[in-house]
N, C-alpha and C. Protein backbone atom coordinates (compact mmCIF):
# COMPACT_ATOMS: atom_id res chain seq x y z
N UNK A 1 88.45 -21.68 2.32
CA UNK A 1 89.71 -21.99 1.69
C UNK A 1 90.09 -23.42 2.05
N UNK A 2 90.49 -24.17 1.09
CA UNK A 2 90.84 -25.56 1.31
C UNK A 2 92.35 -25.72 1.32
N UNK A 3 92.87 -26.30 2.39
CA UNK A 3 94.30 -26.57 2.52
C UNK A 3 94.69 -27.84 1.78
N UNK A 4 93.86 -28.84 1.87
CA UNK A 4 94.16 -30.12 1.23
C UNK A 4 92.95 -31.03 1.29
N UNK A 5 93.06 -32.19 0.69
CA UNK A 5 91.96 -33.15 0.77
C UNK A 5 92.32 -34.22 1.79
N UNK A 6 91.31 -34.75 2.43
CA UNK A 6 91.52 -35.73 3.49
C UNK A 6 91.33 -37.14 2.97
N UNK A 7 92.21 -38.03 3.40
CA UNK A 7 92.02 -39.43 3.07
C UNK A 7 91.20 -40.12 4.15
N UNK A 8 91.21 -39.54 5.36
CA UNK A 8 90.49 -40.14 6.48
C UNK A 8 90.39 -39.11 7.58
N UNK A 9 89.28 -39.09 8.28
CA UNK A 9 89.15 -38.25 9.48
C UNK A 9 88.23 -38.96 10.46
N UNK A 10 88.45 -38.71 11.74
CA UNK A 10 87.61 -39.34 12.75
C UNK A 10 87.56 -38.47 14.00
N UNK A 11 86.40 -38.49 14.62
CA UNK A 11 86.19 -37.78 15.87
C UNK A 11 86.88 -38.57 16.98
N UNK A 12 87.70 -37.91 17.78
CA UNK A 12 88.37 -38.59 18.88
C UNK A 12 87.60 -38.44 20.18
N UNK A 13 87.32 -37.21 20.57
CA UNK A 13 86.64 -37.00 21.85
C UNK A 13 86.19 -35.54 21.97
N UNK A 14 85.37 -35.32 22.95
CA UNK A 14 84.99 -33.96 23.33
C UNK A 14 85.36 -33.76 24.79
N UNK A 15 85.56 -32.53 25.18
CA UNK A 15 85.89 -32.26 26.57
C UNK A 15 85.36 -30.88 26.96
N UNK A 16 85.28 -30.67 28.25
CA UNK A 16 84.81 -29.39 28.79
C UNK A 16 85.71 -28.99 29.95
N UNK A 17 85.87 -27.70 30.09
CA UNK A 17 86.60 -27.16 31.23
C UNK A 17 85.84 -25.94 31.72
N UNK A 18 85.67 -25.86 33.01
CA UNK A 18 84.97 -24.73 33.60
C UNK A 18 85.98 -23.80 34.25
N UNK A 19 85.84 -22.50 33.96
CA UNK A 19 86.70 -21.48 34.53
C UNK A 19 85.84 -20.37 35.11
N UNK A 20 86.45 -19.55 35.92
CA UNK A 20 85.76 -18.39 36.48
C UNK A 20 86.34 -17.14 35.83
N UNK A 21 85.45 -16.30 35.31
CA UNK A 21 85.88 -15.08 34.64
C UNK A 21 86.30 -14.03 35.66
N UNK A 22 86.85 -12.93 35.17
CA UNK A 22 87.23 -11.82 36.05
C UNK A 22 86.01 -11.17 36.69
N UNK A 23 84.81 -11.44 36.13
CA UNK A 23 83.56 -10.93 36.70
C UNK A 23 82.92 -11.97 37.62
N UNK A 24 83.71 -13.01 37.97
CA UNK A 24 83.26 -14.09 38.85
C UNK A 24 82.09 -14.88 38.26
N UNK A 25 82.07 -15.01 36.94
CA UNK A 25 81.05 -15.79 36.25
C UNK A 25 81.69 -17.10 35.77
N UNK A 26 80.91 -18.16 35.79
CA UNK A 26 81.40 -19.45 35.31
C UNK A 26 81.38 -19.47 33.79
N UNK A 27 82.48 -19.88 33.21
CA UNK A 27 82.61 -20.01 31.76
C UNK A 27 82.92 -21.47 31.45
N UNK A 28 82.18 -22.01 30.50
CA UNK A 28 82.42 -23.39 30.07
C UNK A 28 83.14 -23.35 28.72
N UNK A 29 84.34 -23.88 28.66
CA UNK A 29 85.07 -24.03 27.41
C UNK A 29 84.85 -25.44 26.91
N UNK A 30 84.38 -25.56 25.67
CA UNK A 30 84.15 -26.87 25.07
C UNK A 30 85.22 -27.12 24.02
N UNK A 31 85.67 -28.35 23.94
CA UNK A 31 86.64 -28.72 22.91
C UNK A 31 86.18 -29.97 22.20
N UNK A 32 86.36 -30.00 20.89
CA UNK A 32 86.05 -31.17 20.08
C UNK A 32 87.31 -31.50 19.31
N UNK A 33 87.77 -32.73 19.39
CA UNK A 33 89.07 -33.10 18.86
C UNK A 33 88.94 -34.19 17.83
N UNK A 34 89.58 -33.98 16.71
CA UNK A 34 89.51 -34.88 15.57
C UNK A 34 90.92 -35.27 15.13
N UNK A 35 91.01 -36.42 14.51
CA UNK A 35 92.24 -36.84 13.86
C UNK A 35 91.96 -36.87 12.36
N UNK A 36 92.88 -36.35 11.59
CA UNK A 36 92.71 -36.33 10.15
C UNK A 36 94.03 -36.66 9.47
N UNK A 37 93.94 -37.32 8.35
CA UNK A 37 95.11 -37.63 7.52
C UNK A 37 94.99 -36.84 6.22
N UNK A 38 95.97 -36.03 5.96
CA UNK A 38 95.98 -35.21 4.76
C UNK A 38 96.46 -36.04 3.58
N UNK A 39 95.62 -36.16 2.56
CA UNK A 39 95.95 -36.97 1.39
C UNK A 39 96.86 -36.21 0.43
N UNK A 40 96.49 -34.98 0.15
CA UNK A 40 97.30 -34.16 -0.74
C UNK A 40 97.17 -32.70 -0.36
N UNK A 41 98.22 -31.95 -0.59
CA UNK A 41 98.22 -30.53 -0.28
C UNK A 41 97.74 -29.77 -1.51
N UNK A 42 96.72 -28.95 -1.33
CA UNK A 42 96.18 -28.17 -2.43
C UNK A 42 97.01 -26.90 -2.63
N UNK A 43 97.33 -26.23 -1.53
CA UNK A 43 98.17 -25.03 -1.58
C UNK A 43 98.71 -24.74 -0.19
N UNK A 44 99.65 -23.87 -0.11
CA UNK A 44 100.19 -23.45 1.18
C UNK A 44 99.17 -22.54 1.87
N UNK A 45 98.96 -22.71 3.14
CA UNK A 45 97.99 -21.86 3.85
C UNK A 45 98.50 -20.44 4.02
N UNK A 46 97.56 -19.51 4.17
CA UNK A 46 97.92 -18.12 4.39
C UNK A 46 98.23 -17.85 5.86
N UNK A 47 98.01 -18.79 6.69
CA UNK A 47 98.25 -18.68 8.13
C UNK A 47 99.27 -19.74 8.51
N UNK A 48 99.69 -19.73 9.74
CA UNK A 48 100.73 -20.66 10.17
C UNK A 48 100.21 -22.05 10.51
N UNK A 49 100.61 -23.04 9.77
CA UNK A 49 100.33 -24.43 10.09
C UNK A 49 101.67 -25.09 10.32
N UNK A 50 101.82 -25.68 11.48
CA UNK A 50 103.09 -26.33 11.76
C UNK A 50 102.84 -27.50 12.69
N UNK A 51 103.75 -28.46 12.67
CA UNK A 51 103.62 -29.67 13.48
C UNK A 51 104.56 -29.57 14.66
N UNK A 52 104.08 -30.04 15.80
CA UNK A 52 104.86 -29.99 17.04
C UNK A 52 104.92 -31.38 17.67
N UNK A 53 105.96 -31.60 18.42
CA UNK A 53 105.99 -32.79 19.27
C UNK A 53 104.97 -32.58 20.37
N UNK A 54 104.45 -33.67 20.93
CA UNK A 54 103.40 -33.58 21.94
C UNK A 54 103.85 -32.74 23.13
N UNK A 55 105.07 -32.92 23.61
CA UNK A 55 105.55 -32.16 24.77
C UNK A 55 105.60 -30.66 24.48
N UNK A 56 106.00 -30.31 23.27
CA UNK A 56 106.07 -28.88 22.92
C UNK A 56 104.67 -28.28 22.80
N UNK A 57 103.76 -29.01 22.18
CA UNK A 57 102.38 -28.53 22.07
C UNK A 57 101.76 -28.36 23.44
N UNK A 58 102.02 -29.31 24.33
CA UNK A 58 101.50 -29.26 25.69
C UNK A 58 101.94 -27.97 26.40
N UNK A 59 103.18 -27.56 26.18
CA UNK A 59 103.69 -26.36 26.86
C UNK A 59 103.11 -25.08 26.28
N UNK A 60 102.60 -25.13 25.05
CA UNK A 60 102.07 -23.93 24.41
C UNK A 60 100.56 -23.75 24.58
N UNK A 61 99.87 -24.83 24.90
CA UNK A 61 98.41 -24.75 25.05
C UNK A 61 98.04 -24.12 26.39
N UNK A 62 96.96 -23.38 26.40
CA UNK A 62 96.54 -22.66 27.61
C UNK A 62 95.56 -23.47 28.46
N UNK A 63 94.60 -24.09 27.83
CA UNK A 63 93.53 -24.77 28.57
C UNK A 63 93.90 -26.23 28.86
N UNK A 64 93.58 -26.65 30.06
CA UNK A 64 93.90 -28.03 30.48
C UNK A 64 93.20 -29.08 29.63
N UNK A 65 91.96 -28.81 29.18
CA UNK A 65 91.26 -29.81 28.38
C UNK A 65 91.92 -29.98 27.01
N UNK A 66 92.55 -28.93 26.49
CA UNK A 66 93.30 -29.04 25.23
C UNK A 66 94.57 -29.88 25.45
N UNK A 67 95.26 -29.61 26.54
CA UNK A 67 96.47 -30.37 26.87
C UNK A 67 96.14 -31.85 27.04
N UNK A 68 95.03 -32.13 27.74
CA UNK A 68 94.61 -33.51 27.95
C UNK A 68 94.38 -34.21 26.61
N UNK A 69 93.69 -33.55 25.70
CA UNK A 69 93.39 -34.16 24.40
C UNK A 69 94.67 -34.44 23.61
N UNK A 70 95.60 -33.50 23.62
CA UNK A 70 96.86 -33.70 22.88
C UNK A 70 97.65 -34.86 23.49
N UNK A 71 97.72 -34.92 24.80
CA UNK A 71 98.45 -36.01 25.46
C UNK A 71 97.84 -37.38 25.19
N UNK A 72 96.52 -37.44 25.12
CA UNK A 72 95.83 -38.72 25.00
C UNK A 72 95.41 -39.10 23.58
N UNK A 73 95.59 -38.22 22.61
CA UNK A 73 95.17 -38.50 21.23
C UNK A 73 95.81 -39.77 20.66
N UNK A 74 97.11 -40.01 20.88
CA UNK A 74 97.68 -41.25 20.30
C UNK A 74 96.98 -42.51 20.77
N UNK A 75 96.60 -42.57 22.03
CA UNK A 75 95.89 -43.74 22.57
C UNK A 75 94.47 -43.83 22.03
N UNK A 76 93.82 -42.68 21.85
CA UNK A 76 92.44 -42.68 21.38
C UNK A 76 92.33 -43.07 19.91
N UNK A 77 93.39 -42.86 19.15
CA UNK A 77 93.33 -43.12 17.72
C UNK A 77 93.69 -44.55 17.34
N UNK A 78 94.09 -45.36 18.31
CA UNK A 78 94.48 -46.75 18.03
C UNK A 78 93.27 -47.62 17.78
């Protein structure tokens, strides 16, 4: 399903975070972060898409590598 067409997109960074599972196993969470500019909206999504201020997004994210990417994305996109 296509939400819209992009006028521009770029890869910002990748990150990894290691956690220990309840079974005492190491789990590697990988994150890949992109910046995209929506050129036009094709239709409303069937799921929730919403925009947040960086501080609010930071408080809602669970993994530290996701929080790091959101905090640093403005600097990486310059």
